[in-house]
Amino acid sequence: MPTISQWDGVRNNNSQSTVGSWSGSVTNYSSARFFGNGLMLPAAGGRDFYSSGALNTRGYTGRYWSSTQDSSSSDNAWYLRFSSSRATMYNPDRIYGYSVRCVAE
């Protein structure tokens, strides 16, 4: 998985564009954010641990884990979050079911 620095580099050093409807639905597979010409990440949503574990926000947000643990709490890790309007970095509890993106060494 990318580190937080690598996700930040993707976010800060590439043009960004979006496709799709950006409406939250478990059947919405059309929304995605492009970073430069080579990386497309679907707005896959995530699974919420605190409620039923159901998939939520598919088609509305994308959340992709990094391999970087938060320095202030071993329970938290950093991830890339994006919507139709922006891409940012967050560090929530690692109990959430977010997407991963493998990279070659």
PDB file of N, CA and C in Angstrom:
ATOM      1  N   MET A   1       0.837  -1.183   0.000  1.00  0.00           N
ATOM      2  CA  MET A   1       0.000   0.000   0.000  1.00  0.00           C
ATOM      3  C   MET A   1       0.880   1.243   0.000  1.00  0.00           C
ATOM      4  N   PRO A   2       0.397   2.312  -0.582  1.00  0.00           N
ATOM      5  CA  PRO A   2       1.165   3.556  -0.551  1.00  0.00           C
ATOM      6  C   PRO A   2       1.289   4.101   0.873  1.00  0.00           C
ATOM      7  N   THR A   3       2.361   4.818   1.129  1.00  0.00           N
ATOM      8  CA  THR A   3       2.505   5.537   2.394  1.00  0.00           C
ATOM      9  C   THR A   3       1.673   6.815   2.313  1.00  0.00           C
ATOM     10  N   ILE A   4       1.543   7.500   3.426  1.00  0.00           N
ATOM     11  CA  ILE A   4       0.826   8.770   3.413  1.00  0.00           C
ATOM     12  C   ILE A   4       1.555   9.793   2.539  1.00  0.00           C
ATOM     13  N   SER A   5       2.871   9.752   2.543  1.00  0.00           N
ATOM     14  CA  SER A   5       3.652  10.671   1.694  1.00  0.00           C
ATOM     15  C   SER A   5       3.400  10.391   0.219  1.00  0.00           C
ATOM     16  N   GLN A   6       3.287   9.121  -0.136  1.00  0.00           N
ATOM     17  CA  GLN A   6       3.014   8.781  -1.536  1.00  0.00           C
ATOM     18  C   GLN A   6       1.612   9.230  -1.950  1.00  0.00           C
ATOM     19  N   TRP A   7       0.615   9.012  -1.102  1.00  0.00           N
ATOM     20  CA  TRP A   7      -0.734   9.500  -1.417  1.00  0.00           C
ATOM     21  C   TRP A   7      -0.739  11.017  -1.523  1.00  0.00           C
ATOM     22  N   ASP A   8      -0.025  11.686  -0.634  1.00  0.00           N
ATOM     23  CA  ASP A   8       0.060  13.142  -0.702  1.00  0.00           C
ATOM     24  C   ASP A   8       0.708  13.580  -2.014  1.00  0.00           C
ATOM     25  N   GLY A   9       1.729  12.866  -2.449  1.00  0.00           N
ATOM     26  CA  GLY A   9       2.367  13.175  -3.725  1.00  0.00           C
ATOM     27  C   GLY A   9       1.415  12.993  -4.895  1.00  0.00           C
ATOM     28  N   VAL A  10       0.634  11.939  -4.878  1.00  0.00           N
ATOM     29  CA  VAL A  10      -0.370  11.716  -5.928  1.00  0.00           C
ATOM     30  C   VAL A  10      -1.369  12.869  -5.944  1.00  0.00           C
ATOM     31  N   ARG A  11      -1.819  13.237  -4.781  1.00  0.00           N
ATOM     32  CA  ARG A  11      -2.837  14.291  -4.640  1.00  0.00           C
ATOM     33  C   ARG A  11      -2.305  15.659  -5.048  1.00  0.00           C
ATOM     34  N   ASN A  12      -1.090  15.984  -4.651  1.00  0.00           N
ATOM     35  CA  ASN A  12      -0.548  17.328  -4.860  1.00  0.00           C
ATOM     36  C   ASN A  12       0.169  17.533  -6.185  1.00  0.00           C
ATOM     37  N   ASN A  13       0.587  16.461  -6.852  1.00  0.00           N
ATOM     38  CA  ASN A  13       1.430  16.603  -8.035  1.00  0.00           C
ATOM     39  C   ASN A  13       0.787  16.118  -9.327  1.00  0.00           C
ATOM     40  N   ASN A  14      -0.521  15.954  -9.323  1.00  0.00           N
ATOM     41  CA  ASN A  14      -1.216  15.507 -10.520  1.00  0.00           C
ATOM     42  C   ASN A  14      -2.464  16.343 -10.751  1.00  0.00           C
ATOM     43  N   SER A  15      -2.798  16.509 -12.018  1.00  0.00           N
ATOM     44  CA  SER A  15      -4.098  17.113 -12.318  1.00  0.00           C
ATOM     45  C   SER A  15      -5.172  16.128 -11.863  1.00  0.00           C
ATOM     46  N   GLN A  16      -6.346  16.648 -11.543  1.00  0.00           N
ATOM     47  CA  GLN A  16      -7.435  15.793 -11.082  1.00  0.00           C
ATOM     48  C   GLN A  16      -8.706  16.095 -11.857  1.00  0.00           C
ATOM     49  N   SER A  17      -9.448  15.047 -12.144  1.00  0.00           N
ATOM     50  CA  SER A  17     -10.745  15.193 -12.783  1.00  0.00           C
ATOM     51  C   SER A  17     -11.652  14.077 -12.289  1.00  0.00           C
ATOM     52  N   THR A  18     -12.941  14.231 -12.510  1.00  0.00           N
ATOM     53  CA  THR A  18     -13.898  13.241 -12.038  1.00  0.00           C
ATOM     54  C   THR A  18     -14.842  12.820 -13.155  1.00  0.00           C
ATOM     55  N   VAL A  19     -15.434  11.646 -12.984  1.00  0.00           N
ATOM     56  CA  VAL A  19     -16.488  11.148 -13.865  1.00  0.00           C
ATOM     57  C   VAL A  19     -17.593  10.569 -12.987  1.00  0.00           C
ATOM     58  N   GLY A  20     -18.785  10.469 -13.537  1.00  0.00           N
ATOM     59  CA  GLY A  20     -19.881   9.812 -12.844  1.00  0.00           C
ATOM     60  C   GLY A  20     -20.870  10.770 -12.222  1.00  0.00           C
ATOM     61  N   SER A  21     -21.855  10.176 -11.567  1.00  0.00           N
ATOM     62  CA  SER A  21     -22.967  10.951 -11.007  1.00  0.00           C
ATOM     63  C   SER A  21     -22.715  11.470  -9.597  1.00  0.00           C
ATOM     64  N   TRP A  22     -21.834  10.864  -8.839  1.00  0.00           N
ATOM     65  CA  TRP A  22     -21.495  11.242  -7.473  1.00  0.00           C
ATOM     66  C   TRP A  22     -22.721  11.276  -6.564  1.00  0.00           C
ATOM     67  N   SER A  23     -23.562  10.278  -6.711  1.00  0.00           N
ATOM     68  CA  SER A  23     -24.694  10.109  -5.801  1.00  0.00           C
ATOM     69  C   SER A  23     -24.474   8.824  -5.016  1.00  0.00           C
ATOM     70  N   GLY A  24     -24.674   8.890  -3.700  1.00  0.00           N
ATOM     71  CA  GLY A  24     -24.416   7.744  -2.842  1.00  0.00           C
ATOM     72  C   GLY A  24     -25.460   6.649  -3.010  1.00  0.00           C
ATOM     73  N   SER A  25     -25.017   5.473  -3.444  1.00  0.00           N
ATOM     74  CA  SER A  25     -25.901   4.321  -3.617  1.00  0.00           C
ATOM     75  C   SER A  25     -25.039   3.070  -3.702  1.00  0.00           C
ATOM     76  N   VAL A  26     -25.483   1.985  -3.084  1.00  0.00           N
ATOM     77  CA  VAL A  26     -24.698   0.741  -3.145  1.00  0.00           C
ATOM     78  C   VAL A  26     -24.624   0.184  -4.556  1.00  0.00           C
ATOM     79  N   THR A  27     -25.424   0.704  -5.472  1.00  0.00           N
ATOM     80  CA  THR A  27     -25.376   0.238  -6.862  1.00  0.00           C
ATOM     81  C   THR A  27     -24.709   1.231  -7.806  1.00  0.00           C
ATOM     82  N   ASN A  28     -24.137   2.317  -7.270  1.00  0.00           N
ATOM     83  CA  ASN A  28     -23.482   3.313  -8.124  1.00  0.00           C
ATOM     84  C   ASN A  28     -22.015   2.942  -8.335  1.00  0.00           C
ATOM     85  N   TYR A  29     -21.716   2.452  -9.519  1.00  0.00           N
ATOM     86  CA  TYR A  29     -20.351   2.085  -9.889  1.00  0.00           C
ATOM     87  C   TYR A  29     -19.744   3.074 -10.888  1.00  0.00           C
ATOM     88  N   SER A  30     -20.385   4.226 -11.101  1.00  0.00           N
ATOM     89  CA  SER A  30     -19.961   5.123 -12.175  1.00  0.00           C
ATOM     90  C   SER A  30     -19.013   6.233 -11.740  1.00  0.00           C
ATOM     91  N   SER A  31     -18.898   6.519 -10.450  1.00  0.00           N
ATOM     92  CA  SER A  31     -18.118   7.673 -10.000  1.00  0.00           C
ATOM     93  C   SER A  31     -16.669   7.314  -9.718  1.00  0.00           C
ATOM     94  N   ALA A  32     -15.760   8.175 -10.171  1.00  0.00           N
ATOM     95  CA  ALA A  32     -14.329   7.948  -9.948  1.00  0.00           C
ATOM     96  C   ALA A  32     -13.581   9.263 -10.058  1.00  0.00           C
ATOM     97  N   ARG A  33     -12.393   9.292  -9.470  1.00  0.00           N
ATOM     98  CA  ARG A  33     -11.501  10.446  -9.559  1.00  0.00           C
ATOM     99  C   ARG A  33     -10.238   9.997 -10.281  1.00  0.00           C
ATOM    100  N   PHE A  34      -9.825  10.782 -11.267  1.00  0.00           N
ATOM    101  CA  PHE A  34      -8.582  10.540 -11.995  1.00  0.00           C
ATOM    102  C   PHE A  34      -7.496  11.433 -11.420  1.00  0.00           C
ATOM    103  N   PHE A  35      -6.320  10.870 -11.236  1.00  0.00           N
ATOM    104  CA  PHE A  35      -5.126  11.608 -10.817  1.00  0.00           C
ATOM    105  C   PHE A  35      -4.137  11.489 -11.962  1.00  0.00           C
ATOM    106  N   GLY A  36      -3.899  12.602 -12.666  1.00  0.00           N
ATOM    107  CA  GLY A  36      -3.036  12.555 -13.845  1.00  0.00           C
ATOM    108  C   GLY A  36      -3.679  11.701 -14.921  1.00  0.00           C
ATOM    109  N   ASN A  37      -2.837  11.120 -15.783  1.00  0.00           N
ATOM    110  CA  ASN A  37      -3.334  10.284 -16.876  1.00  0.00           C
ATOM    111  C   ASN A  37      -3.316   8.798 -16.558  1.00  0.00           C
ATOM    112  N   GLY A  38      -2.694   8.416 -15.419  1.00  0.00           N
ATOM    113  CA  GLY A  38      -2.480   6.991 -15.199  1.00  0.00           C
ATOM    114  C   GLY A  38      -3.198   6.354 -14.032  1.00  0.00           C
ATOM    115  N   LEU A  39      -3.848   7.130 -13.170  1.00  0.00           N
ATOM    116  CA  LEU A  39      -4.465   6.538 -11.991  1.00  0.00           C
ATOM    117  C   LEU A  39      -5.925   6.947 -11.890  1.00  0.00           C
ATOM    118  N   MET A  40      -6.801   5.951 -11.880  1.00  0.00           N
ATOM    119  CA  MET A  40      -8.231   6.167 -11.690  1.00  0.00           C
ATOM    120  C   MET A  40      -8.642   5.386 -10.450  1.00  0.00           C
ATOM    121  N   LEU A  41      -9.270   6.083  -9.485  1.00  0.00           N
ATOM    122  CA  LEU A  41      -9.742   5.436  -8.268  1.00  0.00           C
ATOM    123  C   LEU A  41     -11.253   5.544  -8.190  1.00  0.00           C
ATOM    124  N   PRO A  42     -11.948   4.404  -8.136  1.00  0.00           N
ATOM    125  CA  PRO A  42     -13.408   4.438  -7.999  1.00  0.00           C
ATOM    126  C   PRO A  42     -13.835   4.995  -6.646  1.00  0.00           C
ATOM    127  N   ALA A  43     -14.974   5.636  -6.619  1.00  0.00           N
ATOM    128  CA  ALA A  43     -15.579   6.114  -5.367  1.00  0.00           C
ATOM    129  C   ALA A  43     -16.295   4.913  -4.744  1.00  0.00           C
ATOM    130  N   ALA A  44     -15.506   4.059  -4.094  1.00  0.00           N
ATOM    131  CA  ALA A  44     -15.998   2.761  -3.632  1.00  0.00           C
ATOM    132  C   ALA A  44     -16.700   2.811  -2.280  1.00  0.00           C
ATOM    133  N   GLY A  45     -16.673   3.968  -1.593  1.00  0.00           N
ATOM    134  CA  GLY A  45     -17.302   4.047  -0.280  1.00  0.00           C
ATOM    135  C   GLY A  45     -16.521   3.258   0.754  1.00  0.00           C
ATOM    136  N   GLY A  46     -17.209   2.734   1.750  1.00  0.00           N
ATOM    137  CA  GLY A  46     -16.557   1.952   2.789  1.00  0.00           C
ATOM    138  C   GLY A  46     -17.574   1.275   3.687  1.00  0.00           C
ATOM    139  N   ARG A  47     -17.091   0.428   4.564  1.00  0.00           N
ATOM    140  CA  ARG A  47     -17.962  -0.246   5.528  1.00  0.00           C
ATOM    141  C   ARG A  47     -17.821   0.440   6.882  1.00  0.00           C
ATOM    142  N   ASP A  48     -18.947   0.715   7.501  1.00  0.00           N
ATOM    143  CA  ASP A  48     -18.983   1.433   8.766  1.00  0.00           C
ATOM    144  C   ASP A  48     -19.045   0.451   9.921  1.00  0.00           C
ATOM    145  N   PHE A  49     -18.015   0.409  10.728  1.00  0.00           N
ATOM    146  CA  PHE A  49     -17.945  -0.522  11.849  1.00  0.00           C
ATOM    147  C   PHE A  49     -18.970  -0.201  12.922  1.00  0.00           C
ATOM    148  N   TYR A  50     -19.202   1.074  13.198  1.00  0.00           N
ATOM    149  CA  TYR A  50     -20.031   1.463  14.335  1.00  0.00           C
ATOM    150  C   TYR A  50     -21.514   1.183  14.152  1.00  0.00           C
ATOM    151  N   SER A  51     -21.977   1.017  12.924  1.00  0.00           N
ATOM    152  CA  SER A  51     -23.386   0.668  12.737  1.00  0.00           C
ATOM    153  C   SER A  51     -23.477  -0.810  12.377  1.00  0.00           C
ATOM    154  N   SER A  52     -24.013  -1.125  11.256  1.00  0.00           N
ATOM    155  CA  SER A  52     -24.245  -2.527  10.887  1.00  0.00           C
ATOM    156  C   SER A  52     -23.088  -3.150  10.112  1.00  0.00           C
ATOM    157  N   GLY A  53     -22.087  -2.382   9.752  1.00  0.00           N
ATOM    158  CA  GLY A  53     -21.024  -2.890   8.889  1.00  0.00           C
ATOM    159  C   GLY A  53     -21.413  -2.826   7.422  1.00  0.00           C
ATOM    160  N   ALA A  54     -22.530  -2.188   7.148  1.00  0.00           N
ATOM    161  CA  ALA A  54     -23.029  -2.093   5.775  1.00  0.00           C
ATOM    162  C   ALA A  54     -22.170  -1.145   4.945  1.00  0.00           C
ATOM    163  N   LEU A  55     -22.138  -1.414   3.667  1.00  0.00           N
ATOM    164  CA  LEU A  55     -21.454  -0.532   2.730  1.00  0.00           C
ATOM    165  C   LEU A  55     -22.198   0.792   2.661  1.00  0.00           C
ATOM    166  N   ASN A  56     -21.445   1.904   2.750  1.00  0.00           N
ATOM    167  CA  ASN A  56     -22.082   3.213   2.618  1.00  0.00           C
ATOM    168  C   ASN A  56     -21.224   4.132   1.771  1.00  0.00           C
ATOM    169  N   THR A  57     -21.807   5.134   1.260  1.00  0.00           N
ATOM    170  CA  THR A  57     -21.235   6.210   0.444  1.00  0.00           C
ATOM    171  C   THR A  57     -20.587   5.741  -0.864  1.00  0.00           C
ATOM    172  N   ARG A  58     -20.909   4.523  -1.340  1.00  0.00           N
ATOM    173  CA  ARG A  58     -20.399   4.138  -2.669  1.00  0.00           C
ATOM    174  C   ARG A  58     -20.955   5.121  -3.689  1.00  0.00           C
ATOM    175  N   GLY A  59     -20.111   5.534  -4.620  1.00  0.00           N
ATOM    176  CA  GLY A  59     -20.522   6.495  -5.632  1.00  0.00           C
ATOM    177  C   GLY A  59     -20.450   7.934  -5.178  1.00  0.00           C
ATOM    178  N   TYR A  60     -20.192   8.146  -3.877  1.00  0.00           N
ATOM    179  CA  TYR A  60     -20.142   9.492  -3.320  1.00  0.00           C
ATOM    180  C   TYR A  60     -18.765   9.846  -2.772  1.00  0.00           C
ATOM    181  N   THR A  61     -18.059   8.874  -2.168  1.00  0.00           N
ATOM    182  CA  THR A  61     -16.697   9.099  -1.674  1.00  0.00           C
ATOM    183  C   THR A  61     -15.819   7.891  -1.980  1.00  0.00           C
ATOM    184  N   GLY A  62     -14.531   8.170  -2.050  1.00  0.00           N
ATOM    185  CA  GLY A  62     -13.522   7.126  -2.128  1.00  0.00           C
ATOM    186  C   GLY A  62     -12.617   7.254  -0.925  1.00  0.00           C
ATOM    187  N   ARG A  63     -12.281   6.120  -0.329  1.00  0.00           N
ATOM    188  CA  ARG A  63     -11.394   6.115   0.845  1.00  0.00           C
ATOM    189  C   ARG A  63     -10.385   5.000   0.646  1.00  0.00           C
ATOM    190  N   TYR A  64      -9.095   5.360   0.614  1.00  0.00           N
ATOM    191  CA  TYR A  64      -8.031   4.401   0.339  1.00  0.00           C
ATOM    192  C   TYR A  64      -6.963   4.491   1.426  1.00  0.00           C
ATOM    193  N   TRP A  65      -6.772   3.384   2.125  1.00  0.00           N
ATOM    194  CA  TRP A  65      -5.797   3.331   3.222  1.00  0.00           C
ATOM    195  C   TRP A  65      -4.384   3.570   2.736  1.00  0.00           C
ATOM    196  N   SER A  66      -3.574   4.126   3.605  1.00  0.00           N
ATOM    197  CA  SER A  66      -2.124   4.164   3.417  1.00  0.00           C
ATOM    198  C   SER A  66      -1.522   3.123   4.364  1.00  0.00           C
ATOM    199  N   SER A  67      -0.260   2.899   4.261  1.00  0.00           N
ATOM    200  CA  SER A  67       0.427   1.983   5.177  1.00  0.00           C
ATOM    201  C   SER A  67       0.997   2.723   6.386  1.00  0.00           C
ATOM    202  N   THR A  68       0.670   4.005   6.539  1.00  0.00           N
ATOM    203  CA  THR A  68       1.236   4.836   7.590  1.00  0.00           C
ATOM    204  C   THR A  68       0.310   4.923   8.801  1.00  0.00           C
ATOM    205  N   GLN A  69       0.820   4.455   9.919  1.00  0.00           N
ATOM    206  CA  GLN A  69       0.087   4.558  11.187  1.00  0.00           C
ATOM    207  C   GLN A  69       0.176   5.985  11.696  1.00  0.00           C
ATOM    208  N   ASP A  70      -0.854   6.439  12.372  1.00  0.00           N
ATOM    209  CA  ASP A  70      -0.848   7.767  12.988  1.00  0.00           C
ATOM    210  C   ASP A  70       0.147   7.752  14.151  1.00  0.00           C
ATOM    211  N   SER A  71       0.993   8.747  14.237  1.00  0.00           N
ATOM    212  CA  SER A  71       2.025   8.779  15.280  1.00  0.00           C
ATOM    213  C   SER A  71       1.456   9.005  16.675  1.00  0.00           C
ATOM    214  N   SER A  72       0.246   9.547  16.788  1.00  0.00           N
ATOM    215  CA  SER A  72      -0.325   9.816  18.106  1.00  0.00           C
ATOM    216  C   SER A  72      -1.160   8.671  18.662  1.00  0.00           C
ATOM    217  N   SER A  73      -1.547   7.709  17.820  1.00  0.00           N
ATOM    218  CA  SER A  73      -2.370   6.591  18.291  1.00  0.00           C
ATOM    219  C   SER A  73      -2.174   5.377  17.395  1.00  0.00           C
ATOM    220  N   SER A  74      -1.828   4.258  17.986  1.00  0.00           N
ATOM    221  CA  SER A  74      -1.642   3.043  17.198  1.00  0.00           C
ATOM    222  C   SER A  74      -2.976   2.496  16.689  1.00  0.00           C
ATOM    223  N   ASP A  75      -4.097   3.028  17.177  1.00  0.00           N
ATOM    224  CA  ASP A  75      -5.414   2.614  16.697  1.00  0.00           C
ATOM    225  C   ASP A  75      -5.788   3.290  15.379  1.00  0.00           C
ATOM    226  N   ASN A  76      -5.067   4.335  15.008  1.00  0.00           N
ATOM    227  CA  ASN A  76      -5.408   5.122  13.824  1.00  0.00           C
ATOM    228  C   ASN A  76      -4.364   4.965  12.727  1.00  0.00           C
ATOM    229  N   ALA A  77      -4.810   5.183  11.491  1.00  0.00           N
ATOM    230  CA  ALA A  77      -3.913   5.186  10.336  1.00  0.00           C
ATOM    231  C   ALA A  77      -4.420   6.231   9.347  1.00  0.00           C
ATOM    232  N   TRP A  78      -3.552   6.655   8.448  1.00  0.00           N
ATOM    233  CA  TRP A  78      -3.893   7.691   7.471  1.00  0.00           C
ATOM    234  C   TRP A  78      -4.524   7.078   6.228  1.00  0.00           C
ATOM    235  N   TYR A  79      -5.415   7.843   5.611  1.00  0.00           N
ATOM    236  CA  TYR A  79      -5.987   7.413   4.334  1.00  0.00           C
ATOM    237  C   TYR A  79      -6.308   8.614   3.463  1.00  0.00           C
ATOM    238  N   LEU A  80      -6.404   8.353   2.162  1.00  0.00           N
ATOM    239  CA  LEU A  80      -6.804   9.345   1.174  1.00  0.00           C
ATOM    240  C   LEU A  80      -8.319   9.286   1.052  1.00  0.00           C
ATOM    241  N   ARG A  81      -8.982  10.415   1.200  1.00  0.00           N
ATOM    242  CA  ARG A  81     -10.434  10.505   1.037  1.00  0.00           C
ATOM    243  C   ARG A  81     -10.721  11.512  -0.055  1.00  0.00           C
ATOM    244  N   PHE A  82     -11.633  11.154  -0.955  1.00  0.00           N
ATOM    245  CA  PHE A  82     -12.003  12.108  -1.992  1.00  0.00           C
ATOM    246  C   PHE A  82     -13.496  12.056  -2.274  1.00  0.00           C
ATOM    247  N   SER A  83     -13.975  13.160  -2.807  1.00  0.00           N
ATOM    248  CA  SER A  83     -15.352  13.303  -3.268  1.00  0.00           C
ATOM    249  C   SER A  83     -15.285  13.964  -4.640  1.00  0.00           C
ATOM    250  N   SER A  84     -16.409  14.406  -5.129  1.00  0.00           N
ATOM    251  CA  SER A  84     -16.402  15.073  -6.436  1.00  0.00           C
ATOM    252  C   SER A  84     -15.694  16.416  -6.379  1.00  0.00           C
ATOM    253  N   SER A  85     -15.602  17.024  -5.185  1.00  0.00           N
ATOM    254  CA  SER A  85     -15.053  18.376  -5.088  1.00  0.00           C
ATOM    255  C   SER A  85     -13.604  18.458  -4.627  1.00  0.00           C
ATOM    256  N   ARG A  86     -13.096  17.452  -3.879  1.00  0.00           N
ATOM    257  CA  ARG A  86     -11.720  17.567  -3.384  1.00  0.00           C
ATOM    258  C   ARG A  86     -11.185  16.229  -2.905  1.00  0.00           C
ATOM    259  N   ALA A  87      -9.870  16.202  -2.705  1.00  0.00           N
ATOM    260  CA  ALA A  87      -9.180  15.037  -2.145  1.00  0.00           C
ATOM    261  C   ALA A  87      -8.366  15.512  -0.948  1.00  0.00           C
ATOM    262  N   THR A  88      -8.486  14.821   0.190  1.00  0.00           N
ATOM    263  CA  THR A  88      -7.810  15.211   1.421  1.00  0.00           C
ATOM    264  C   THR A  88      -7.288  13.974   2.140  1.00  0.00           C
ATOM    265  N   MET A  89      -6.544  14.194   3.225  1.00  0.00           N
ATOM    266  CA  MET A  89      -5.999  13.110   4.026  1.00  0.00           C
ATOM    267  C   MET A  89      -6.651  13.131   5.402  1.00  0.00           C
ATOM    268  N   TYR A  90      -6.969  11.936   5.926  1.00  0.00           N
ATOM    269  CA  TYR A  90      -7.562  11.800   7.258  1.00  0.00           C
ATOM    270  C   TYR A  90      -6.872  10.672   8.013  1.00  0.00           C
ATOM    271  N   ASN A  91      -7.100  10.611   9.330  1.00  0.00           N
ATOM    272  CA  ASN A  91      -6.487   9.561  10.152  1.00  0.00           C
ATOM    273  C   ASN A  91      -7.478   9.005  11.182  1.00  0.00           C
ATOM    274  N   PRO A  92      -8.450   8.216  10.731  1.00  0.00           N
ATOM    275  CA  PRO A  92      -9.430   7.663  11.666  1.00  0.00           C
ATOM    276  C   PRO A  92      -8.960   6.354  12.287  1.00  0.00           C
ATOM    277  N   ASP A  93      -9.801   5.828  13.121  1.00  0.00           N
ATOM    278  CA  ASP A  93      -9.604   4.511  13.712  1.00  0.00           C
ATOM    279  C   ASP A  93      -9.522   3.460  12.597  1.00  0.00           C
ATOM    280  N   ARG A  94      -8.642   2.491  12.738  1.00  0.00           N
ATOM    281  CA  ARG A  94      -8.435   1.487  11.702  1.00  0.00           C
ATOM    282  C   ARG A  94      -9.522   0.416  11.645  1.00  0.00           C
ATOM    283  N   ILE A  95     -10.592   0.559  12.392  1.00  0.00           N
ATOM    284  CA  ILE A  95     -11.650  -0.442  12.363  1.00  0.00           C
ATOM    285  C   ILE A  95     -12.549  -0.314  11.137  1.00  0.00           C
ATOM    286  N   TYR A  96     -12.425   0.772  10.374  1.00  0.00           N
ATOM    287  CA  TYR A  96     -13.272   0.968   9.211  1.00  0.00           C
ATOM    288  C   TYR A  96     -12.806   0.128   8.025  1.00  0.00           C
ATOM    289  N   GLY A  97     -13.741  -0.300   7.220  1.00  0.00           N
ATOM    290  CA  GLY A  97     -13.444  -1.095   6.030  1.00  0.00           C
ATOM    291  C   GLY A  97     -13.321  -0.214   4.805  1.00  0.00           C
ATOM    292  N   TYR A  98     -12.128   0.296   4.558  1.00  0.00           N
ATOM    293  CA  TYR A  98     -11.885   1.131   3.392  1.00  0.00           C
ATOM    294  C   TYR A  98     -11.075   0.357   2.356  1.00  0.00           C
ATOM    295  N   SER A  99     -10.984   0.902   1.169  1.00  0.00           N
ATOM    296  CA  SER A  99     -10.277   0.249   0.074  1.00  0.00           C
ATOM    297  C   SER A  99      -8.772   0.298   0.258  1.00  0.00           C
ATOM    298  N   VAL A 100      -8.076  -0.598  -0.390  1.00  0.00           N
ATOM    299  CA  VAL A 100      -6.613  -0.577  -0.451  1.00  0.00           C
ATOM    300  C   VAL A 100      -6.195  -0.576  -1.908  1.00  0.00           C
ATOM    301  N   ARG A 101      -5.070   0.014  -2.170  1.00  0.00           N
ATOM    302  CA  ARG A 101      -4.502   0.066  -3.515  1.00  0.00           C
ATOM    303  C   ARG A 101      -3.079  -0.447  -3.405  1.00  0.00           C
ATOM    304  N   CYS A 102      -2.810  -1.593  -3.984  1.00  0.00           N
ATOM    305  CA  CYS A 102      -1.469  -2.177  -3.933  1.00  0.00           C
ATOM    306  C   CYS A 102      -0.554  -1.468  -4.925  1.00  0.00           C
ATOM    307  N   VAL A 103       0.722  -1.345  -4.559  1.00  0.00           N
ATOM    308  CA  VAL A 103       1.723  -0.780  -5.449  1.00  0.00           C
ATOM    309  C   VAL A 103       2.920  -1.715  -5.494  1.00  0.00           C
ATOM    310  N   ALA A 104       3.618  -1.718  -6.612  1.00  0.00           N
ATOM    311  CA  ALA A 104       4.807  -2.550  -6.762  1.00  0.00           C
ATOM    312  C   ALA A 104       5.981  -1.872  -6.084  1.00  0.00           C
ATOM    313  N   GLU A 105       6.846  -2.655  -5.496  1.00  0.00           N
ATOM    314  CA  GLU A 105       8.053  -2.123  -4.861  1.00  0.00           C
ATOM    315  C   GLU A 105       9.092  -1.834  -5.901  1.00  0.00           C
TER     316      GLU A 105
END
